[in-house]
C-alpha atoms as a PDB file:
ATOM      1  CA  UNK A   1     100.672  91.222 122.829  1.00  0.00           C
ATOM      2  CA  UNK A   2      98.562  89.000 120.592  1.00  0.00           C
ATOM      3  CA  UNK A   3      96.977  85.982 122.265  1.00  0.00           C
ATOM      4  CA  UNK A   4      97.819  82.774 120.411  1.00  0.00           C
ATOM      5  CA  UNK A   5      96.360  79.318 120.762  1.00  0.00           C
ATOM      6  CA  UNK A   6      97.109  75.700 119.919  1.00  0.00           C
ATOM      7  CA  UNK A   7      94.366  73.275 118.936  1.00  0.00           C
ATOM      8  CA  UNK A   8      94.700  69.517 118.713  1.00  0.00           C
ATOM      9  CA  UNK A   9      93.293  69.649 115.204  1.00  0.00           C
ATOM     10  CA  UNK A  10      96.011  72.093 114.131  1.00  0.00           C
ATOM     11  CA  UNK A  11      98.765  70.006 115.735  1.00  0.00           C
ATOM     12  CA  UNK A  12      97.566  66.789 114.077  1.00  0.00           C
ATOM     13  CA  UNK A  13      97.168  68.623 110.763  1.00  0.00           C
ATOM     14  CA  UNK A  14     100.725  69.968 110.966  1.00  0.00           C
ATOM     15  CA  UNK A  15     102.020  66.486 111.785  1.00  0.00           C
ATOM     16  CA  UNK A  16     100.134  64.983 108.831  1.00  0.00           C
ATOM     17  CA  UNK A  17     101.528  67.697 106.570  1.00  0.00           C
ATOM     18  CA  UNK A  18     105.074  67.036 107.829  1.00  0.00           C
ATOM     19  CA  UNK A  19     104.657  63.291 107.247  1.00  0.00           C
ATOM     20  CA  UNK A  20     103.471  63.787 103.656  1.00  0.00           C
ATOM     21  CA  UNK A  21     106.073  66.462 102.932  1.00  0.00           C
ATOM     22  CA  UNK A  22     108.893  64.224 104.167  1.00  0.00           C
ATOM     23  CA  UNK A  23     107.678  61.346 101.992  1.00  0.00           C
ATOM     24  CA  UNK A  24     107.497  63.627  98.985  1.00  0.00           C
ATOM     25  CA  UNK A  25     111.015  64.973  99.553  1.00  0.00           C
ATOM     26  CA  UNK A  26     112.274  61.384 100.008  1.00  0.00           C
ATOM     27  CA  UNK A  27     110.815  60.168  96.716  1.00  0.00           C
ATOM     28  CA  UNK A  28     111.856  63.246  94.735  1.00  0.00           C
ATOM     29  CA  UNK A  29     115.420  63.475  96.036  1.00  0.00           C
ATOM     30  CA  UNK A  30     116.419  59.846  96.717  1.00  0.00           C
ATOM     31  CA  UNK A  31     114.290  58.019  94.147  1.00  0.00           C
ATOM     32  CA  UNK A  32     114.163  60.429  91.210  1.00  0.00           C
ATOM     33  CA  UNK A  33     117.113  62.831  91.412  1.00  0.00           C
ATOM     34  CA  UNK A  34     119.857  60.654  92.934  1.00  0.00           C
ATOM     35  CA  UNK A  35     118.225  57.356  91.878  1.00  0.00           C
ATOM     36  CA  UNK A  36     119.757  55.577  94.876  1.00  0.00           C
ATOM     37  CA  UNK A  37     116.807  53.213  95.020  1.00  0.00           C
ATOM     38  CA  UNK A  38     113.140  53.006  94.165  1.00  0.00           C
ATOM     39  CA  UNK A  39     110.130  52.194  96.297  1.00  0.00           C
ATOM     40  CA  UNK A  40     109.982  48.492  95.446  1.00  0.00           C
ATOM     41  CA  UNK A  41     113.583  47.916  94.305  1.00  0.00           C
ATOM     42  CA  UNK A  42     113.951  45.212  96.948  1.00  0.00           C
ATOM     43  CA  UNK A  43     111.272  43.211  95.107  1.00  0.00           C
ATOM     44  CA  UNK A  44     111.664  44.253  91.452  1.00  0.00           C
ATOM     45  CA  UNK A  45     115.220  44.687  90.111  1.00  0.00           C
ATOM     46  CA  UNK A  46     116.219  48.109  88.841  1.00  0.00           C
ATOM     47  CA  UNK A  47     118.577  46.669  86.198  1.00  0.00           C
ATOM     48  CA  UNK A  48     115.854  45.303  83.895  1.00  0.00           C
ATOM     49  CA  UNK A  49     113.497  47.418  81.819  1.00  0.00           C
ATOM     50  CA  UNK A  50     110.351  45.813  83.244  1.00  0.00           C
ATOM     51  CA  UNK A  51     111.717  46.084  86.797  1.00  0.00           C
ATOM     52  CA  UNK A  52     112.646  49.731  86.309  1.00  0.00           C
ATOM     53  CA  UNK A  53     109.204  50.491  84.866  1.00  0.00           C
ATOM     54  CA  UNK A  54     107.521  48.836  87.841  1.00  0.00           C
ATOM     55  CA  UNK A  55     109.729  50.773  90.259  1.00  0.00           C
ATOM     56  CA  UNK A  56     109.087  54.106  88.535  1.00  0.00           C
ATOM     57  CA  UNK A  57     105.330  53.446  88.519  1.00  0.00           C
ATOM     58  CA  UNK A  58     105.457  52.627  92.252  1.00  0.00           C
ATOM     59  CA  UNK A  59     107.453  55.819  92.889  1.00  0.00           C
ATOM     60  CA  UNK A  60     104.889  57.849  90.953  1.00  0.00           C
ATOM     61  CA  UNK A  61     101.949  56.364  92.831  1.00  0.00           C
ATOM     62  CA  UNK A  62     103.800  56.941  96.111  1.00  0.00           C
ATOM     63  CA  UNK A  63     104.407  60.579  95.103  1.00  0.00           C
ATOM     64  CA  UNK A  64     100.695  61.069  94.442  1.00  0.00           C
ATOM     65  CA  UNK A  65      99.893  59.508  97.824  1.00  0.00           C
ATOM     66  CA  UNK A  66     102.319  61.809  99.625  1.00  0.00           C
ATOM     67  CA  UNK A  67     100.906  64.864  97.816  1.00  0.00           C
ATOM     68  CA  UNK A  68      97.424  63.827  98.952  1.00  0.00           C
ATOM     69  CA  UNK A  69      98.582  63.304 102.557  1.00  0.00           C
ATOM     70  CA  UNK A  70     100.440  66.642 102.651  1.00  0.00           C
ATOM     71  CA  UNK A  71      97.430  68.345 101.037  1.00  0.00           C
ATOM     72  CA  UNK A  72      95.063  66.904 103.631  1.00  0.00           C
ATOM     73  CA  UNK A  73      97.359  68.136 106.400  1.00  0.00           C
ATOM     74  CA  UNK A  74      97.636  71.593 104.839  1.00  0.00           C
ATOM     75  CA  UNK A  75      93.868  71.780 104.333  1.00  0.00           C
ATOM     76  CA  UNK A  76      93.120  70.757 107.910  1.00  0.00           C
ATOM     77  CA  UNK A  77      95.669  73.266 109.181  1.00  0.00           C
ATOM     78  CA  UNK A  78      94.113  76.025 107.090  1.00  0.00           C
ATOM     79  CA  UNK A  79      90.684  75.000 108.386  1.00  0.00           C
ATOM     80  CA  UNK A  80      91.957  75.121 111.982  1.00  0.00           C
ATOM     81  CA  UNK A  81      93.316  78.623 111.437  1.00  0.00           C
ATOM     82  CA  UNK A  82      90.001  79.760 109.961  1.00  0.00           C
ATOM     83  CA  UNK A  83      88.003  78.301 112.871  1.00  0.00           C
ATOM     84  CA  UNK A  84      90.163  79.848 115.559  1.00  0.00           C
ATOM     85  CA  UNK A  85      89.269  83.251 116.968  1.00  0.00           C
ATOM     86  CA  UNK A  86      92.958  84.024 117.570  1.00  0.00           C
ATOM     87  CA  UNK A  87      96.031  83.232 115.462  1.00  0.00           C
ATOM     88  CA  UNK A  88      97.558  79.789 115.894  1.00  0.00           C
ATOM     89  CA  UNK A  89     100.921  79.687 117.614  1.00  0.00           C
ATOM     90  CA  UNK A  90     103.642  79.159 115.014  1.00  0.00           C
ATOM     91  CA  UNK A  91     106.320  77.317 117.049  1.00  0.00           C
ATOM     92  CA  UNK A  92     104.083  74.509 118.297  1.00  0.00           C
ATOM     93  CA  UNK A  93     102.678  74.070 114.782  1.00  0.00           C
ATOM     94  CA  UNK A  94     106.205  74.006 113.326  1.00  0.00           C
ATOM     95  CA  UNK A  95     107.249  71.528 116.009  1.00  0.00           C
ATOM     96  CA  UNK A  96     104.359  69.239 115.122  1.00  0.00           C
ATOM     97  CA  UNK A  97     105.335  69.425 111.444  1.00  0.00           C
ATOM     98  CA  UNK A  98     108.946  68.494 112.274  1.00  0.00           C
ATOM     99  CA  UNK A  99     107.662  65.595 114.404  1.00  0.00           C
ATOM    100  CA  UNK A 100     105.648  64.450 111.365  1.00  0.00           C
ATOM    101  CA  UNK A 101     108.818  64.619 109.241  1.00  0.00           C
ATOM    102  CA  UNK A 102     110.668  62.419 111.705  1.00  0.00           C
ATOM    103  CA  UNK A 103     107.778  59.981 112.017  1.00  0.00           C
ATOM    104  CA  UNK A 104     107.775  59.421 108.255  1.00  0.00           C
ATOM    105  CA  UNK A 105     111.526  58.771 108.285  1.00  0.00           C
ATOM    106  CA  UNK A 106     111.208  56.369 111.222  1.00  0.00           C
ATOM    107  CA  UNK A 107     108.272  54.599 109.523  1.00  0.00           C
ATOM    108  CA  UNK A 108     110.276  54.342 106.300  1.00  0.00           C
ATOM    109  CA  UNK A 109     113.307  52.775 107.941  1.00  0.00           C
ATOM    110  CA  UNK A 110     111.414  50.408 110.251  1.00  0.00           C
ATOM    111  CA  UNK A 111     108.514  49.325 108.051  1.00  0.00           C
ATOM    112  CA  UNK A 112     109.639  49.822 104.432  1.00  0.00           C
ATOM    113  CA  UNK A 113     113.281  48.816 104.906  1.00  0.00           C
ATOM    114  CA  UNK A 114     113.343  46.331 107.787  1.00  0.00           C
ATOM    115  CA  UNK A 115     109.889  44.724 108.089  1.00  0.00           C
ATOM    116  CA  UNK A 116     108.684  44.709 104.461  1.00  0.00           C
ATOM    117  CA  UNK A 117     112.088  44.816 102.736  1.00  0.00           C
ATOM    118  CA  UNK A 118     110.717  46.997  99.949  1.00  0.00           C
ATOM    119  CA  UNK A 119     114.074  48.651  99.379  1.00  0.00           C
ATOM    120  CA  UNK A 120     117.486  49.257 100.951  1.00  0.00           C
ATOM    121  CA  UNK A 121     118.655  52.791 100.185  1.00  0.00           C
ATOM    122  CA  UNK A 122     122.175  53.521  99.029  1.00  0.00           C
ATOM    123  CA  UNK A 123     123.915  50.567 100.646  1.00  0.00           C
ATOM    124  CA  UNK A 124     121.533  47.915  99.292  1.00  0.00           C
ATOM    125  CA  UNK A 125     122.514  45.946 102.378  1.00  0.00           C
ATOM    126  CA  UNK A 126     120.649  47.778 105.094  1.00  0.00           C
ATOM    127  CA  UNK A 127     123.674  48.543 107.230  1.00  0.00           C
ATOM    128  CA  UNK A 128     122.760  52.205 107.365  1.00  0.00           C
ATOM    129  CA  UNK A 129     119.234  51.521 108.753  1.00  0.00           C
ATOM    130  CA  UNK A 130     120.225  51.803 112.452  1.00  0.00           C
ATOM    131  CA  UNK A 131     121.912  55.125 111.738  1.00  0.00           C
ATOM    132  CA  UNK A 132     118.883  56.486 109.916  1.00  0.00           C
ATOM    133  CA  UNK A 133     116.606  55.317 112.744  1.00  0.00           C
ATOM    134  CA  UNK A 134     118.732  57.332 115.189  1.00  0.00           C
ATOM    135  CA  UNK A 135     118.624  60.380 112.907  1.00  0.00           C
ATOM    136  CA  UNK A 136     114.834  59.993 112.644  1.00  0.00           C
ATOM    137  CA  UNK A 137     114.558  59.942 116.444  1.00  0.00           C
ATOM    138  CA  UNK A 138     116.734  63.075 116.617  1.00  0.00           C
ATOM    139  CA  UNK A 139     114.400  64.802 114.143  1.00  0.00           C
ATOM    140  CA  UNK A 140     111.408  63.813 116.291  1.00  0.00           C
ATOM    141  CA  UNK A 141     113.248  65.077 119.395  1.00  0.00           C
ATOM    142  CA  UNK A 142     113.956  68.376 117.652  1.00  0.00           C
ATOM    143  CA  UNK A 143     110.267  68.704 116.804  1.00  0.00           C
ATOM    144  CA  UNK A 144     109.320  68.026 120.420  1.00  0.00           C
ATOM    145  CA  UNK A 145     111.791  70.691 121.555  1.00  0.00           C
ATOM    146  CA  UNK A 146     110.387  73.238 119.083  1.00  0.00           C
ATOM    147  CA  UNK A 147     106.844  72.377 120.167  1.00  0.00           C
ATOM    148  CA  UNK A 148     107.573  72.636 123.878  1.00  0.00           C
ATOM    149  CA  UNK A 149     109.489  75.909 123.677  1.00  0.00           C
ATOM    150  CA  UNK A 150     106.602  77.447 121.748  1.00  0.00           C
ATOM    151  CA  UNK A 151     103.832  75.868 123.813  1.00  0.00           C
ATOM    152  CA  UNK A 152     105.075  77.450 127.048  1.00  0.00           C
ATOM    153  CA  UNK A 153     104.249  80.895 125.694  1.00  0.00           C
ATOM    154  CA  UNK A 154     100.765  80.141 124.397  1.00  0.00           C
ATOM    155  CA  UNK A 155      97.314  79.222 125.573  1.00  0.00           C
ATOM    156  CA  UNK A 156      96.370  75.586 124.969  1.00  0.00           C
ATOM    157  CA  UNK A 157      92.870  74.903 123.703  1.00  0.00           C
ATOM    158  CA  UNK A 158      91.770  71.296 124.202  1.00  0.00           C
ATOM    159  CA  UNK A 159      88.868  71.561 121.797  1.00  0.00           C
ATOM    160  CA  UNK A 160      88.536  73.303 118.470  1.00  0.00           C
ATOM    161  CA  UNK A 161      86.052  76.058 117.975  1.00  0.00           C
ATOM    162  CA  UNK A 162      83.353  74.367 115.885  1.00  0.00           C
END
């Protein structure tokens, strides 16, 4: 049997990657493909040319930001794997990534939709926000479950090998 480990650095890196990946999927699928809303459609109207241009620019800048965040997470995860003397445990890392996915979705609904009012997806009225918050919490719960079921079988390392 191969000994596997979990480092805090790897868990944080996986969570950061999941956060950025979820944001990127959100902007590609909901903003660009389905065009249900845009990042700042609650501020700039989508039915005018100047408003649409502003929204598309904001979506593009957001996409670049999410690529950078996901890239930082992936790079830190790769670095953690390289620094470890044994392979990193896959299930806890996957669980942390799923938690990061859910955290982005929860952040999006609470901060972007409710607090800042940047946009209201699909409904344009915000009535789906409580439902999406519950789904986001279920995604986080799923990530915690994946993490815990994998963490029981591995050795936990509190500090990275520097």
